[in-house]
Amino acid sequence: MDEEIREFVVGRNATMRDVLESLCDSAVAICLMVDNKQLVGVMTDGDVRRAMLQGATLDAPAEPYMTREFISVSPEVGRTEALDILRSRSITQLPVLDENRRLVGLHLMRELIGARKRDNWALIMAGGKGTRLHPITENIPKPMIPVAGRPILERLVMHLTGFGFQRIFISVHYLQDVIKEHFGDGSAFGCQIEYLEEDRPLGSAGALSLLPERPTQPLLMLNGDLVTQVDFSRMLRFHQSRGNVLTMGVKEYLHTIPYGTVELQDQRIVKLMEKPTVSQQVNTGMYVISPEFFEHIGHNEPVNIMDKIGLALEQNQPVGAYFVEEDWVDAGGHGDLKRARGDL
């Protein structure tokens, strides 16, 4: 159980006094009642008041008055989906339970919509033509393809605002009016959105050269076709704690070779492996970029981010790797898009 939610929790044998003390100490207006780590019921301020009106004393067991039917979600449900559920059900707390109904977290409305505002900017690269997704992308830009009823780009914007990003740049080129009409100035999504218009393709990070000025804080740059629940706060903290000029998000990728392999030594077989699985760390298309990295970026020029990272390494500048543990899909091809939509 996460240490941050222990203050909201009491045992199944708790008294009304225990529940009241938990409600006062935590100030989240809900008390979670567990038995052997499983969530068996919840009590709110309203439940306590109703129990008192029915004659419950402070020393009475709270279990008869707890709410046994409550809404919960699995750990796979991200911030955006959790916020939708909270709003649609007009509730302010949402327990997170694993497959065994053990309590592992708690979504709070105030945290999802009231994240600490950041001075950091975010840049989403959304100008590509998405040729690998033809014919889907003939009339819609790749970042606007819906996943679970919401455009990929909207998911990214809402995920960013959930972590307190207030100023978001979106690079646009192909079918850019579709994106602009959907997001406008960003006010409907709780942020300020500005568009960086590429008059020609500028590569994997050319939009960095179109920013109105060099940022003063580390900037978060994302590819526009990502479906992810990565914790951007943790990624920023990692970047700053290491003093990196750039931090790349990486994730383990497992590939099973569909053949038996042999290991040779002087043309003699020394080892056999049947369909081995190879592990590699892959680039997730998410970067935290410090202001000093911009010395490698010109103005309105094509930029290959891997080339610029290589240049930083040649100059012995610290470049870090942040391991992404959360769900992540690069929905750039038909197979990956199906996986993001849960079809595979």
Protein backbone atom coordinates (compact mmCIF):
# COMPACT_ATOMS: atom_id res chain seq x y z
CA MET A 1 0.00 0.00 0.00
CA ASP A 2 1.30 3.46 -0.92
CA GLU A 3 2.52 5.34 2.13
CA GLU A 4 0.65 8.45 0.95
CA ILE A 5 -2.76 6.81 1.44
CA ARG A 6 -2.15 5.14 4.80
CA GLU A 7 -3.53 8.18 6.62
CA PHE A 8 -6.90 7.60 4.90
CA VAL A 9 -7.12 3.96 6.01
CA VAL A 10 -8.59 2.22 9.06
CA GLY A 11 -9.22 -1.45 9.80
CA ARG A 12 -12.54 -3.22 9.49
CA ASN A 13 -12.95 -3.23 13.28
CA ALA A 14 -12.54 0.54 13.58
CA THR A 15 -14.89 2.56 15.78
CA MET A 16 -16.74 5.70 14.80
CA ARG A 17 -14.09 7.63 16.74
CA ASP A 18 -11.33 6.05 14.61
CA VAL A 19 -13.17 7.07 11.44
CA LEU A 20 -13.71 10.63 12.64
CA GLU A 21 -10.05 10.98 13.58
CA SER A 22 -9.01 9.70 10.16
CA LEU A 23 -11.33 12.15 8.41
CA CYS A 24 -9.97 15.05 10.48
CA ASP A 25 -6.32 14.07 10.03
CA SER A 26 -6.42 13.42 6.28
CA ALA A 27 -8.75 16.24 5.21
CA VAL A 28 -9.86 14.31 2.10
CA ALA A 29 -13.43 13.67 3.32
CA ILE A 30 -13.19 9.90 2.95
CA CYS A 31 -12.07 7.02 5.17
CA LEU A 32 -11.12 3.70 3.56
CA MET A 33 -11.88 0.57 5.57
CA VAL A 34 -9.69 -2.43 4.81
CA ASP A 35 -9.49 -6.05 5.89
CA ASN A 36 -6.29 -7.93 5.07
CA LYS A 37 -5.37 -5.09 2.65
CA GLN A 38 -8.65 -5.51 0.75
CA LEU A 39 -11.00 -2.54 0.59
CA VAL A 40 -14.31 -3.60 2.10
CA GLY A 41 -16.06 -0.26 2.52
CA VAL A 42 -15.76 3.52 2.66
CA MET A 43 -17.10 6.21 4.95
CA THR A 44 -17.51 9.90 4.17
CA ASP A 45 -18.48 12.84 6.33
CA GLY A 46 -22.06 12.28 5.25
CA ASP A 47 -21.97 8.63 6.32
CA VAL A 48 -20.73 9.65 9.77
CA ARG A 49 -23.47 12.26 10.19
CA ARG A 50 -26.17 9.77 9.17
CA ALA A 51 -24.74 7.19 11.60
CA MET A 52 -24.85 9.72 14.45
CA LEU A 53 -28.46 10.59 13.66
CA GLN A 54 -29.27 6.88 13.89
CA GLY A 55 -27.83 6.80 17.41
CA ALA A 56 -24.27 5.59 16.82
CA THR A 57 -21.85 6.52 19.58
CA LEU A 58 -18.17 7.36 19.17
CA ASP A 59 -17.23 3.95 20.55
CA ALA A 60 -19.64 2.04 18.32
CA PRO A 61 -18.27 -0.16 15.49
CA ALA A 62 -18.21 1.73 12.20
CA GLU A 63 -18.68 -1.31 9.96
CA PRO A 64 -22.51 -1.37 10.07
CA TYR A 65 -22.57 2.18 8.72
CA MET A 66 -19.91 1.95 6.01
CA THR A 67 -20.81 2.07 2.32
CA ARG A 68 -20.13 -1.34 0.78
CA GLU A 69 -21.06 -0.43 -2.78
CA PHE A 70 -18.50 2.05 -4.08
CA ILE A 71 -16.89 2.97 -7.37
CA SER A 72 -13.26 1.95 -7.90
CA VAL A 73 -10.79 1.59 -10.76
CA SER A 74 -7.79 -0.59 -11.57
CA PRO A 75 -4.19 0.71 -11.59
CA GLU A 76 -4.29 0.69 -15.41
CA VAL A 77 -6.80 3.56 -15.45
CA GLY A 78 -4.90 6.81 -16.02
CA ARG A 79 -5.46 10.33 -14.76
CA THR A 80 -7.61 11.39 -17.72
CA GLU A 81 -9.99 8.43 -17.41
CA ALA A 82 -10.12 8.81 -13.62
CA LEU A 83 -11.06 12.46 -13.97
CA ASP A 84 -13.84 11.56 -16.42
CA ILE A 85 -15.26 9.04 -13.93
CA LEU A 86 -15.10 11.50 -11.03
CA ARG A 87 -16.91 14.15 -13.05
CA SER A 88 -19.54 11.83 -14.52
CA ARG A 89 -20.41 10.32 -11.11
CA SER A 90 -20.17 13.65 -9.25
CA ILE A 91 -17.72 12.22 -6.72
CA THR A 92 -14.40 13.59 -5.46
CA GLN A 93 -12.52 10.41 -4.47
CA LEU A 94 -11.86 7.23 -6.44
CA PRO A 95 -10.11 4.22 -4.84
CA VAL A 96 -7.61 2.24 -6.92
CA LEU A 97 -7.75 -1.55 -6.42
CA ASP A 98 -5.63 -4.33 -7.89
CA GLU A 99 -7.01 -7.59 -9.30
CA ASN A 100 -7.37 -8.95 -5.74
CA ARG A 101 -9.28 -5.85 -4.58
CA ARG A 102 -6.33 -4.73 -2.52
CA LEU A 103 -6.09 -0.98 -2.02
CA VAL A 104 -3.13 0.47 -3.94
CA GLY A 105 -4.07 4.13 -4.45
CA LEU A 106 -6.63 6.91 -4.35
CA HIS A 107 -7.51 9.44 -7.06
CA LEU A 108 -8.62 12.80 -5.71
CA MET A 109 -10.51 15.33 -7.81
CA ARG A 110 -8.61 18.25 -6.26
CA GLU A 111 -5.27 16.73 -7.27
CA LEU A 112 -6.32 15.86 -10.82
CA ILE A 113 -7.66 19.33 -11.60
CA GLY A 114 -5.57 21.35 -9.19
CA ALA A 115 -2.02 20.24 -9.92
CA ARG A 116 0.76 22.57 -8.88
CA LYS A 117 1.35 25.00 -11.71
CA ARG A 118 4.75 24.63 -13.35
CA ASP A 119 7.01 27.14 -15.01
CA ASN A 120 8.20 24.38 -17.35
CA TRP A 121 6.99 24.44 -20.94
CA ALA A 122 5.90 21.39 -22.91
CA LEU A 123 6.30 20.88 -26.65
CA ILE A 124 4.30 18.25 -28.55
CA MET A 125 5.53 17.32 -32.03
CA ALA A 126 2.37 16.95 -34.14
CA GLY A 127 3.35 18.02 -37.66
CA GLY A 128 4.06 14.68 -39.34
CA LYS A 129 2.02 13.16 -42.16
CA GLY A 130 1.64 9.75 -40.53
CA THR A 131 2.26 7.88 -43.79
CA ARG A 132 2.54 4.53 -42.01
CA LEU A 133 -1.09 4.91 -40.95
CA HIS A 134 -2.55 5.49 -44.41
CA PRO A 135 -5.37 5.50 -45.35
CA ILE A 136 -6.52 6.59 -41.87
CA THR A 137 -4.36 9.71 -42.01
CA GLU A 138 -5.48 10.88 -45.45
CA ASN A 139 -8.07 13.17 -43.86
CA ILE A 140 -6.97 13.38 -40.22
CA PRO A 141 -3.54 14.13 -38.73
CA LYS A 142 -2.06 11.18 -36.87
CA PRO A 143 -2.18 12.82 -33.41
CA MET A 144 -5.93 13.39 -33.80
CA ILE A 145 -6.75 9.71 -34.29
CA PRO A 146 -9.09 8.68 -31.46
CA VAL A 147 -8.14 6.08 -28.87
CA ALA A 148 -10.96 5.03 -26.54
CA GLY A 149 -13.10 7.92 -27.80
CA ARG A 150 -10.53 10.68 -27.33
CA PRO A 151 -7.88 11.98 -29.79
CA ILE A 152 -4.33 10.92 -28.88
CA LEU A 153 -3.23 14.57 -28.81
CA GLU A 154 -6.05 15.53 -26.45
CA ARG A 155 -4.99 12.74 -24.11
CA LEU A 156 -1.46 14.16 -24.08
CA VAL A 157 -2.65 17.72 -23.45
CA MET A 158 -4.90 16.64 -20.57
CA HIS A 159 -2.14 14.47 -19.13
CA LEU A 160 0.22 17.46 -19.21
CA THR A 161 -2.26 19.83 -17.58
CA GLY A 162 -2.85 17.17 -14.93
CA PHE A 163 0.81 17.54 -14.01
CA GLY A 164 0.62 21.34 -13.86
CA PHE A 165 1.96 22.33 -17.30
CA GLN A 166 0.33 25.63 -18.21
CA ARG A 167 2.14 26.65 -21.40
CA ILE A 168 2.05 24.02 -24.14
CA PHE A 169 3.45 24.40 -27.65
CA ILE A 170 2.20 22.16 -30.46
CA SER A 171 4.20 21.94 -33.69
CA VAL A 172 1.89 21.66 -36.70
CA HIS A 173 2.25 21.18 -40.45
CA TYR A 174 0.11 18.46 -42.04
CA LEU A 175 -3.66 19.21 -41.78
CA GLN A 176 -2.85 21.73 -39.08
CA ASP A 177 -6.28 23.38 -39.16
CA VAL A 178 -7.84 20.21 -37.73
CA ILE A 179 -5.63 20.53 -34.66
CA LYS A 180 -6.07 24.29 -34.28
CA GLU A 181 -9.84 24.13 -34.53
CA HIS A 182 -10.02 21.38 -31.91
CA PHE A 183 -7.78 22.98 -29.28
CA GLY A 184 -8.05 26.72 -29.97
CA ASP A 185 -6.03 28.69 -27.45
CA GLY A 186 -6.16 25.83 -24.94
CA SER A 187 -8.43 27.58 -22.44
CA ALA A 188 -11.01 24.79 -22.70
CA PHE A 189 -8.30 22.35 -21.59
CA GLY A 190 -6.97 24.40 -18.69
CA CYS A 191 -3.79 25.63 -20.35
CA GLN A 192 -2.33 28.06 -22.88
CA ILE A 193 -1.64 26.47 -26.26
CA GLU A 194 0.59 28.09 -28.89
CA TYR A 195 1.28 26.68 -32.34
CA LEU A 196 4.67 26.38 -34.00
CA GLU A 197 4.00 26.25 -37.74
CA GLU A 198 6.53 24.31 -39.80
CA ASP A 199 6.50 25.66 -43.36
CA ARG A 200 8.45 22.53 -44.32
CA PRO A 201 9.28 19.30 -42.47
CA LEU A 202 11.92 20.13 -39.88
CA GLY A 203 12.82 16.67 -38.64
CA SER A 204 12.30 14.92 -35.31
CA ALA A 205 12.86 18.06 -33.22
CA GLY A 206 12.90 20.99 -35.63
CA ALA A 207 10.13 22.72 -33.71
CA LEU A 208 12.69 23.48 -31.00
CA SER A 209 14.13 26.02 -33.44
CA LEU A 210 10.72 27.74 -33.74
CA LEU A 211 10.18 28.51 -30.05
CA PRO A 212 9.72 32.25 -29.49
CA GLU A 213 12.65 32.28 -27.06
CA ARG A 214 14.95 29.94 -25.21
CA PRO A 215 13.16 28.49 -22.17
CA THR A 216 14.54 29.33 -18.73
CA GLN A 217 13.42 26.00 -17.21
CA PRO A 218 13.79 22.41 -18.50
CA LEU A 219 11.37 21.80 -21.35
CA LEU A 220 9.42 18.57 -21.85
CA MET A 221 9.25 17.45 -25.49
CA LEU A 222 6.94 14.63 -26.64
CA ASN A 223 6.07 12.96 -29.89
CA GLY A 224 2.43 13.58 -30.71
CA ASP A 225 1.46 9.94 -31.27
CA LEU A 226 2.15 8.62 -27.76
CA VAL A 227 -0.42 6.89 -25.58
CA THR A 228 1.13 6.89 -22.13
CA GLN A 229 0.54 7.43 -18.43
CA VAL A 230 4.14 8.34 -17.57
CA ASP A 231 4.64 10.41 -14.41
CA PHE A 232 6.07 13.65 -15.81
CA SER A 233 6.73 15.04 -12.34
CA ARG A 234 9.01 12.14 -11.52
CA MET A 235 10.75 12.43 -14.88
CA LEU A 236 11.46 16.13 -14.31
CA ARG A 237 12.75 15.46 -10.80
CA PHE A 238 15.08 12.77 -12.13
CA HIS A 239 16.40 15.11 -14.81
CA GLN A 240 17.12 17.95 -12.42
CA SER A 241 18.64 15.72 -9.73
CA ARG A 242 21.17 14.38 -12.25
CA GLY A 243 22.11 17.77 -13.73
CA ASN A 244 21.54 16.49 -17.27
CA VAL A 245 21.43 18.71 -20.34
CA LEU A 246 18.95 16.20 -21.78
CA THR A 247 17.12 13.20 -20.39
CA MET A 248 15.56 10.64 -22.72
CA GLY A 249 12.67 8.46 -21.62
CA VAL A 250 13.54 4.83 -22.33
CA LYS A 251 11.57 1.61 -21.94
CA GLU A 252 12.51 -2.05 -22.02
CA TYR A 253 11.54 -3.75 -25.28
CA LEU A 254 11.52 -7.53 -25.46
CA HIS A 255 11.93 -9.23 -28.83
CA THR A 256 11.72 -12.98 -29.29
CA ILE A 257 13.88 -14.28 -32.13
CA PRO A 258 11.66 -16.82 -33.94
CA TYR A 259 14.53 -19.24 -34.58
CA GLY A 260 16.94 -21.29 -32.56
CA THR A 261 20.24 -19.46 -32.19
CA VAL A 262 23.79 -20.70 -31.91
CA GLU A 263 26.82 -19.22 -30.23
CA LEU A 264 30.07 -19.94 -32.02
CA GLN A 265 33.70 -19.97 -31.06
CA ASP A 266 36.26 -20.62 -33.77
CA GLN A 267 33.51 -22.11 -35.95
CA ARG A 268 32.52 -24.56 -33.22
CA ILE A 269 29.10 -24.47 -31.60
CA VAL A 270 29.46 -23.77 -27.90
CA LYS A 271 25.88 -22.89 -26.97
CA LEU A 272 22.36 -23.39 -28.30
CA MET A 273 19.29 -21.30 -27.45
CA GLU A 274 15.77 -22.02 -28.67
CA LYS A 275 13.92 -18.83 -29.69
CA PRO A 276 15.65 -16.55 -27.18
CA THR A 277 14.18 -13.28 -26.00
CA VAL A 278 16.42 -10.24 -26.40
CA SER A 279 15.99 -7.18 -24.15
CA GLN A 280 16.80 -3.66 -25.33
CA GLN A 281 16.10 -0.17 -24.02
CA VAL A 282 14.23 1.84 -26.68
CA ASN A 283 13.65 5.56 -27.12
CA THR A 284 10.08 6.47 -26.08
CA GLY A 285 9.98 9.83 -27.87
CA MET A 286 9.91 11.75 -24.57
CA TYR A 287 12.67 14.13 -23.55
CA VAL A 288 13.44 16.68 -20.86
CA ILE A 289 15.70 19.37 -22.34
CA SER A 290 17.64 21.90 -20.27
CA PRO A 291 18.13 25.47 -21.56
CA GLU A 292 21.86 24.91 -22.18
CA PHE A 293 21.07 22.17 -24.72
CA PHE A 294 19.69 24.88 -26.99
CA GLU A 295 23.22 25.90 -27.89
CA HIS A 296 23.03 23.00 -30.35
CA ILE A 297 19.79 24.32 -31.93
CA GLY A 298 19.76 26.98 -34.64
CA HIS A 299 16.79 29.03 -35.84
CA ASN A 300 14.14 27.56 -38.14
CA GLU A 301 16.41 24.69 -39.15
CA PRO A 302 15.81 20.96 -39.55
CA VAL A 303 16.80 19.11 -36.38
CA ASN A 304 17.43 15.40 -35.92
CA ILE A 305 17.28 14.99 -32.15
CA MET A 306 19.55 11.93 -32.21
CA ASP A 307 22.25 13.89 -34.05
CA LYS A 308 22.06 16.68 -31.48
CA ILE A 309 22.22 14.21 -28.61
CA GLY A 310 25.29 12.69 -30.23
CA LEU A 311 26.86 16.15 -30.41
CA ALA A 312 26.19 16.70 -26.71
CA LEU A 313 27.84 13.36 -25.93
CA GLU A 314 30.89 14.30 -28.00
CA GLN A 315 31.23 17.41 -25.84
CA ASN A 316 30.97 15.28 -22.67
CA GLN A 317 27.69 16.89 -21.64
CA PRO A 318 25.59 14.73 -19.28
CA VAL A 319 22.76 12.93 -21.10
CA GLY A 320 20.53 10.72 -18.97
CA ALA A 321 18.08 7.88 -19.42
CA TYR A 322 14.83 7.82 -17.43
CA PHE A 323 13.26 4.37 -17.23
CA VAL A 324 9.55 4.54 -18.07
CA GLU A 325 7.67 1.99 -15.98
CA GLU A 326 4.14 3.07 -16.90
CA ASP A 327 2.14 2.04 -19.96
CA TRP A 328 3.52 3.44 -23.20
CA VAL A 329 2.56 2.90 -26.84
CA ASP A 330 3.96 4.71 -29.87
CA ALA A 331 0.86 4.56 -32.07
CA GLY A 332 2.75 5.26 -35.30
CA GLY A 333 1.79 2.10 -37.18
CA HIS A 334 -1.37 0.06 -37.67
CA GLY A 335 -0.28 -2.69 -35.27
CA ASP A 336 0.71 -0.24 -32.55
CA LEU A 337 -2.54 1.71 -32.99
CA LYS A 338 -4.52 -1.52 -32.52
CA ARG A 339 -2.50 -2.24 -29.39
CA ALA A 340 -3.22 1.28 -28.04
CA ARG A 341 -6.91 0.71 -28.69
CA GLY A 342 -6.82 -2.65 -26.92
CA ASP A 343 -7.50 -4.61 -30.11
CA LEU A 344 -4.37 -6.75 -29.66
